[in-house]
Amino acid sequence: AMSKSAVKISSDLLSNPLCEQEPGFLEMVTAFDTAMKRMDSFNQEKVRWLWLEKGRAGGAGWFSSVFPSLNMAVKRREQTLQDYKRLQSKVEKYEEKERTGPVLAKLHQ
């Protein structure tokens, strides 16, 4: 809404009679108008991507019904990441302990 207002203001400024009288003002207002239109375009693109990210039904539910294999891949990735973090914390715990025979054996498993 904010960028739409800025585009409207810049368009109104361009239609101002002062732009016809002052070339410097026209140049400045034209640059402002271009910047506001770019900002509005960027915001619309951002909203479009957010809409796609969330899906129509909200969240990944919409994507999981359309792309079930993708949903399974995401779940496998999340599970693997959790396993990795769990094992990494175990390794860190053993590295902090004194380096005795049983600890070294567990570290090199």
N, C-alpha and C. Protein backbone atom coordinates (compact mmCIF):
# COMPACT_ATOMS: atom_id res chain seq x y z
N ALA A 1 0.83 -1.19 0.00
CA ALA A 1 0.00 0.00 0.00
C ALA A 1 0.87 1.25 0.00
N MET A 2 1.98 1.18 0.75
CA MET A 2 2.86 2.35 0.84
C MET A 2 3.49 2.65 -0.52
N SER A 3 3.94 1.61 -1.22
CA SER A 3 4.58 1.84 -2.51
C SER A 3 3.56 2.32 -3.54
N LYS A 4 2.32 1.85 -3.44
CA LYS A 4 1.27 2.32 -4.35
C LYS A 4 1.04 3.82 -4.15
N SER A 5 1.05 4.25 -2.90
CA SER A 5 0.88 5.67 -2.59
C SER A 5 2.04 6.49 -3.15
N ALA A 6 3.25 5.95 -3.01
CA ALA A 6 4.42 6.66 -3.53
C ALA A 6 4.37 6.77 -5.05
N VAL A 7 3.90 5.72 -5.73
CA VAL A 7 3.76 5.77 -7.18
C VAL A 7 2.72 6.81 -7.58
N LYS A 8 1.62 6.87 -6.83
CA LYS A 8 0.57 7.86 -7.12
C LYS A 8 1.11 9.28 -6.92
N ILE A 9 1.87 9.48 -5.85
CA ILE A 9 2.44 10.82 -5.59
C ILE A 9 3.40 11.21 -6.71
N SER A 10 4.26 10.26 -7.12
CA SER A 10 5.22 10.59 -8.17
C SER A 10 4.51 10.87 -9.49
N SER A 11 3.44 10.15 -9.78
CA SER A 11 2.67 10.41 -11.01
C SER A 11 2.00 11.78 -10.95
N ASP A 12 1.48 12.12 -9.78
CA ASP A 12 0.86 13.44 -9.61
C ASP A 12 1.89 14.56 -9.79
N LEU A 13 3.09 14.32 -9.26
CA LEU A 13 4.15 15.33 -9.42
C LEU A 13 4.53 15.50 -10.90
N LEU A 14 4.54 14.40 -11.64
CA LEU A 14 4.88 14.50 -13.06
C LEU A 14 3.86 15.31 -13.84
N SER A 15 2.61 15.25 -13.41
CA SER A 15 1.58 16.01 -14.12
C SER A 15 1.49 17.46 -13.64
N ASN A 16 2.32 17.84 -12.68
CA ASN A 16 2.34 19.20 -12.16
C ASN A 16 2.86 20.16 -13.24
N PRO A 17 2.22 21.32 -13.42
CA PRO A 17 2.67 22.29 -14.43
C PRO A 17 4.11 22.79 -14.20
N LEU A 18 4.59 22.72 -12.98
CA LEU A 18 5.95 23.16 -12.68
C LEU A 18 6.98 22.32 -13.43
N CYS A 19 6.64 21.05 -13.71
CA CYS A 19 7.56 20.19 -14.46
C CYS A 19 7.79 20.73 -15.87
N GLU A 20 6.76 21.36 -16.45
CA GLU A 20 6.91 21.93 -17.80
C GLU A 20 7.77 23.19 -17.77
N GLN A 21 7.74 23.91 -16.66
CA GLN A 21 8.46 25.17 -16.56
C GLN A 21 9.92 24.98 -16.14
N GLU A 22 10.19 24.00 -15.30
CA GLU A 22 11.53 23.79 -14.75
C GLU A 22 12.10 22.43 -15.18
N PRO A 23 13.03 22.42 -16.13
CA PRO A 23 13.61 21.14 -16.58
C PRO A 23 14.33 20.39 -15.45
N GLY A 24 14.96 21.09 -14.54
CA GLY A 24 15.65 20.44 -13.43
C GLY A 24 14.67 19.72 -12.51
N PHE A 25 13.54 20.36 -12.26
CA PHE A 25 12.50 19.74 -11.44
C PHE A 25 11.92 18.52 -12.14
N LEU A 26 11.71 18.62 -13.45
CA LEU A 26 11.18 17.50 -14.23
C LEU A 26 12.14 16.30 -14.16
N GLU A 27 13.42 16.58 -14.27
CA GLU A 27 14.42 15.51 -14.21
C GLU A 27 14.40 14.82 -12.84
N MET A 28 14.32 15.63 -11.79
CA MET A 28 14.29 15.09 -10.44
C MET A 28 13.02 14.27 -10.19
N VAL A 29 11.88 14.77 -10.63
CA VAL A 29 10.61 14.08 -10.43
C VAL A 29 10.57 12.79 -11.27
N THR A 30 11.14 12.84 -12.47
CA THR A 30 11.18 11.64 -13.32
C THR A 30 12.02 10.55 -12.65
N ALA A 31 13.16 10.94 -12.08
CA ALA A 31 14.01 9.97 -11.37
C ALA A 31 13.26 9.40 -10.17
N PHE A 32 12.55 10.26 -9.46
CA PHE A 32 11.76 9.81 -8.31
C PHE A 32 10.67 8.85 -8.76
N ASP A 33 9.98 9.18 -9.84
CA ASP A 33 8.91 8.34 -10.37
C ASP A 33 9.45 6.96 -10.76
N THR A 34 10.60 6.94 -11.43
CA THR A 34 11.21 5.67 -11.83
C THR A 34 11.57 4.83 -10.60
N ALA A 35 12.14 5.45 -9.60
CA ALA A 35 12.51 4.74 -8.37
C ALA A 35 11.28 4.18 -7.67
N MET A 36 10.20 4.95 -7.61
CA MET A 36 8.99 4.48 -6.94
C MET A 36 8.35 3.33 -7.70
N LYS A 37 8.38 3.39 -9.02
CA LYS A 37 7.82 2.29 -9.81
C LYS A 37 8.64 1.03 -9.63
N ARG A 38 9.96 1.17 -9.56
CA ARG A 38 10.82 0.00 -9.32
C ARG A 38 10.54 -0.59 -7.94
N MET A 39 10.39 0.28 -6.95
CA MET A 39 10.11 -0.19 -5.59
C MET A 39 8.77 -0.93 -5.56
N ASP A 40 7.77 -0.40 -6.24
CA ASP A 40 6.46 -1.05 -6.28
C ASP A 40 6.55 -2.40 -6.97
N SER A 41 7.28 -2.45 -8.05
CA SER A 41 7.47 -3.71 -8.77
C SER A 41 8.16 -4.74 -7.89
N PHE A 42 9.20 -4.32 -7.19
CA PHE A 42 9.92 -5.21 -6.28
C PHE A 42 8.98 -5.73 -5.19
N ASN A 43 8.19 -4.85 -4.62
CA ASN A 43 7.27 -5.26 -3.55
C ASN A 43 6.23 -6.25 -4.06
N GLN A 44 5.74 -6.03 -5.28
CA GLN A 44 4.77 -6.97 -5.85
C GLN A 44 5.41 -8.33 -6.06
N GLU A 45 6.66 -8.34 -6.54
CA GLU A 45 7.37 -9.60 -6.75
C GLU A 45 7.59 -10.32 -5.41
N LYS A 46 7.93 -9.55 -4.38
CA LYS A 46 8.15 -10.13 -3.05
C LYS A 46 6.85 -10.77 -2.53
N VAL A 47 5.75 -10.10 -2.72
CA VAL A 47 4.46 -10.63 -2.27
C VAL A 47 4.13 -11.90 -3.05
N ARG A 48 4.42 -11.90 -4.33
CA ARG A 48 4.15 -13.07 -5.16
C ARG A 48 4.97 -14.27 -4.67
N TRP A 49 6.25 -14.04 -4.34
CA TRP A 49 7.10 -15.14 -3.85
C TRP A 49 6.62 -15.63 -2.50
N LEU A 50 6.20 -14.71 -1.63
CA LEU A 50 5.69 -15.13 -0.32
C LEU A 50 4.44 -15.97 -0.48
N TRP A 51 3.59 -15.58 -1.43
CA TRP A 51 2.37 -16.33 -1.68
C TRP A 51 2.72 -17.74 -2.16
N LEU A 52 3.69 -17.84 -3.07
CA LEU A 52 4.10 -19.15 -3.56
C LEU A 52 4.72 -19.99 -2.46
N GLU A 53 5.50 -19.34 -1.58
CA GLU A 53 6.17 -20.04 -0.50
C GLU A 53 5.16 -20.64 0.47
N LYS A 54 4.12 -19.89 0.76
CA LYS A 54 3.13 -20.36 1.73
C LYS A 54 2.09 -21.26 1.08
N GLY A 55 1.87 -21.08 -0.20
CA GLY A 55 0.87 -21.88 -0.89
C GLY A 55 -0.53 -21.39 -0.61
N ARG A 56 -1.46 -21.83 -1.40
CA ARG A 56 -2.83 -21.38 -1.23
C ARG A 56 -3.46 -21.91 0.04
N ALA A 57 -3.13 -23.15 0.40
CA ALA A 57 -3.75 -23.75 1.59
C ALA A 57 -2.98 -23.43 2.86
N GLY A 58 -1.91 -22.63 2.72
CA GLY A 58 -1.13 -22.25 3.90
C GLY A 58 -0.06 -23.28 4.19
N GLY A 59 1.16 -22.83 4.23
CA GLY A 59 2.28 -23.71 4.55
C GLY A 59 2.62 -24.67 3.43
N ALA A 60 3.39 -25.68 3.76
CA ALA A 60 3.86 -26.64 2.77
C ALA A 60 2.79 -27.66 2.40
N GLY A 61 1.65 -27.61 3.05
CA GLY A 61 0.58 -28.56 2.77
C GLY A 61 0.16 -28.57 1.33
N TRP A 62 0.07 -27.41 0.75
CA TRP A 62 -0.33 -27.29 -0.64
C TRP A 62 0.71 -27.94 -1.54
N PHE A 63 1.99 -27.66 -1.28
CA PHE A 63 3.06 -28.24 -2.09
C PHE A 63 3.14 -29.75 -1.90
N SER A 64 2.90 -30.21 -0.69
CA SER A 64 3.02 -31.65 -0.45
C SER A 64 1.95 -32.42 -1.20
N SER A 65 0.80 -31.82 -1.42
CA SER A 65 -0.23 -32.52 -2.19
C SER A 65 0.08 -32.50 -3.68
N VAL A 66 0.77 -31.47 -4.14
CA VAL A 66 1.10 -31.38 -5.56
C VAL A 66 2.40 -32.13 -5.86
N PHE A 67 3.37 -32.05 -4.96
CA PHE A 67 4.68 -32.67 -5.15
C PHE A 67 5.00 -33.60 -3.97
N PRO A 68 4.37 -34.79 -3.91
CA PRO A 68 4.61 -35.66 -2.75
C PRO A 68 6.07 -36.12 -2.64
N SER A 69 6.75 -36.33 -3.76
CA SER A 69 8.15 -36.77 -3.68
C SER A 69 9.02 -35.67 -3.10
N LEU A 70 8.70 -34.43 -3.41
CA LEU A 70 9.44 -33.30 -2.85
C LEU A 70 9.23 -33.24 -1.34
N ASN A 71 8.02 -33.47 -0.91
CA ASN A 71 7.72 -33.46 0.52
C ASN A 71 8.51 -34.55 1.23
N MET A 72 8.60 -35.73 0.65
CA MET A 72 9.37 -36.82 1.26
C MET A 72 10.85 -36.48 1.32
N ALA A 73 11.36 -35.85 0.28
CA ALA A 73 12.77 -35.45 0.25
C ALA A 73 13.07 -34.44 1.35
N VAL A 74 12.16 -33.51 1.55
CA VAL A 74 12.33 -32.50 2.60
C VAL A 74 12.32 -33.18 3.97
N LYS A 75 11.42 -34.13 4.18
CA LYS A 75 11.36 -34.84 5.46
C LYS A 75 12.63 -35.64 5.70
N ARG A 76 13.14 -36.32 4.64
CA ARG A 76 14.39 -37.09 4.79
C ARG A 76 15.55 -36.16 5.12
N ARG A 77 15.57 -35.01 4.47
CA ARG A 77 16.64 -34.05 4.74
C ARG A 77 16.59 -33.57 6.19
N GLU A 78 15.40 -33.23 6.66
CA GLU A 78 15.25 -32.78 8.05
C GLU A 78 15.67 -33.86 9.03
N GLN A 79 15.31 -35.12 8.75
CA GLN A 79 15.68 -36.22 9.62
C GLN A 79 17.19 -36.41 9.63
N THR A 80 17.81 -36.35 8.46
CA THR A 80 19.26 -36.49 8.35
C THR A 80 19.97 -35.37 9.09
N LEU A 81 19.44 -34.17 8.97
CA LEU A 81 20.03 -33.03 9.67
C LEU A 81 19.93 -33.20 11.18
N GLN A 82 18.80 -33.68 11.66
CA GLN A 82 18.66 -33.94 13.10
C GLN A 82 19.63 -35.01 13.56
N ASP A 83 19.77 -36.08 12.77
CA ASP A 83 20.73 -37.15 13.10
C ASP A 83 22.14 -36.60 13.16
N TYR A 84 22.49 -35.79 12.18
CA TYR A 84 23.83 -35.20 12.14
C TYR A 84 24.09 -34.36 13.39
N LYS A 85 23.13 -33.51 13.74
CA LYS A 85 23.31 -32.65 14.92
C LYS A 85 23.45 -33.48 16.19
N ARG A 86 22.65 -34.54 16.29
CA ARG A 86 22.72 -35.41 17.46
C ARG A 86 24.09 -36.07 17.54
N LEU A 87 24.57 -36.62 16.44
CA LEU A 87 25.88 -37.27 16.43
C LEU A 87 27.02 -36.28 16.65
N GLN A 88 26.87 -35.08 16.11
CA GLN A 88 27.89 -34.04 16.30
C GLN A 88 28.00 -33.66 17.77
N SER A 89 26.89 -33.58 18.47
CA SER A 89 26.94 -33.25 19.89
C SER A 89 27.58 -34.39 20.68
N LYS A 90 27.35 -35.65 20.25
CA LYS A 90 28.00 -36.78 20.90
C LYS A 90 29.51 -36.69 20.74
N VAL A 91 29.95 -36.40 19.52
CA VAL A 91 31.38 -36.29 19.25
C VAL A 91 31.99 -35.19 20.10
N GLU A 92 31.33 -34.05 20.16
CA GLU A 92 31.83 -32.94 20.97
C GLU A 92 31.93 -33.34 22.44
N LYS A 93 30.95 -34.10 22.90
CA LYS A 93 30.96 -34.53 24.30
C LYS A 93 32.16 -35.44 24.56
N TYR A 94 32.41 -36.39 23.66
CA TYR A 94 33.55 -37.30 23.83
C TYR A 94 34.88 -36.58 23.67
N GLU A 95 34.93 -35.55 22.82
CA GLU A 95 36.17 -34.80 22.65
C GLU A 95 36.53 -34.02 23.91
N GLU A 96 35.52 -33.62 24.68
CA GLU A 96 35.76 -32.87 25.91
C GLU A 96 36.25 -33.77 27.04
N LYS A 97 35.93 -35.07 26.95
CA LYS A 97 36.34 -36.00 28.01
C LYS A 97 37.83 -36.31 27.89
N GLU A 98 38.34 -36.90 28.95
CA GLU A 98 39.75 -37.31 28.98
C GLU A 98 39.97 -38.40 27.92
N ARG A 99 41.11 -38.36 27.25
CA ARG A 99 41.38 -39.29 26.16
C ARG A 99 41.91 -40.63 26.70
N THR A 100 40.96 -41.47 27.09
CA THR A 100 41.30 -42.81 27.55
C THR A 100 40.93 -43.80 26.45
N GLY A 101 41.25 -45.06 26.64
CA GLY A 101 40.98 -46.10 25.64
C GLY A 101 39.54 -46.18 25.18
N PRO A 102 38.57 -46.32 26.09
CA PRO A 102 37.17 -46.44 25.67
C PRO A 102 36.65 -45.18 24.97
N VAL A 103 37.09 -44.01 25.43
CA VAL A 103 36.64 -42.74 24.81
C VAL A 103 37.19 -42.65 23.39
N LEU A 104 38.48 -42.98 23.21
CA LEU A 104 39.08 -42.93 21.87
C LEU A 104 38.41 -43.93 20.93
N ALA A 105 38.03 -45.09 21.47
CA ALA A 105 37.36 -46.09 20.65
C ALA A 105 36.00 -45.56 20.16
N LYS A 106 35.27 -44.88 21.03
CA LYS A 106 33.96 -44.35 20.64
C LYS A 106 34.11 -43.20 19.66
N LEU A 107 35.18 -42.43 19.79
CA LEU A 107 35.41 -41.31 18.86
C LEU A 107 35.68 -41.80 17.45
N HIS A 108 36.32 -42.95 17.32
CA HIS A 108 36.72 -43.44 15.99
C HIS A 108 35.74 -44.45 15.41
N GLN A 109 34.55 -44.54 15.95
CA GLN A 109 33.54 -45.46 15.42
C GLN A 109 32.99 -44.94 14.12
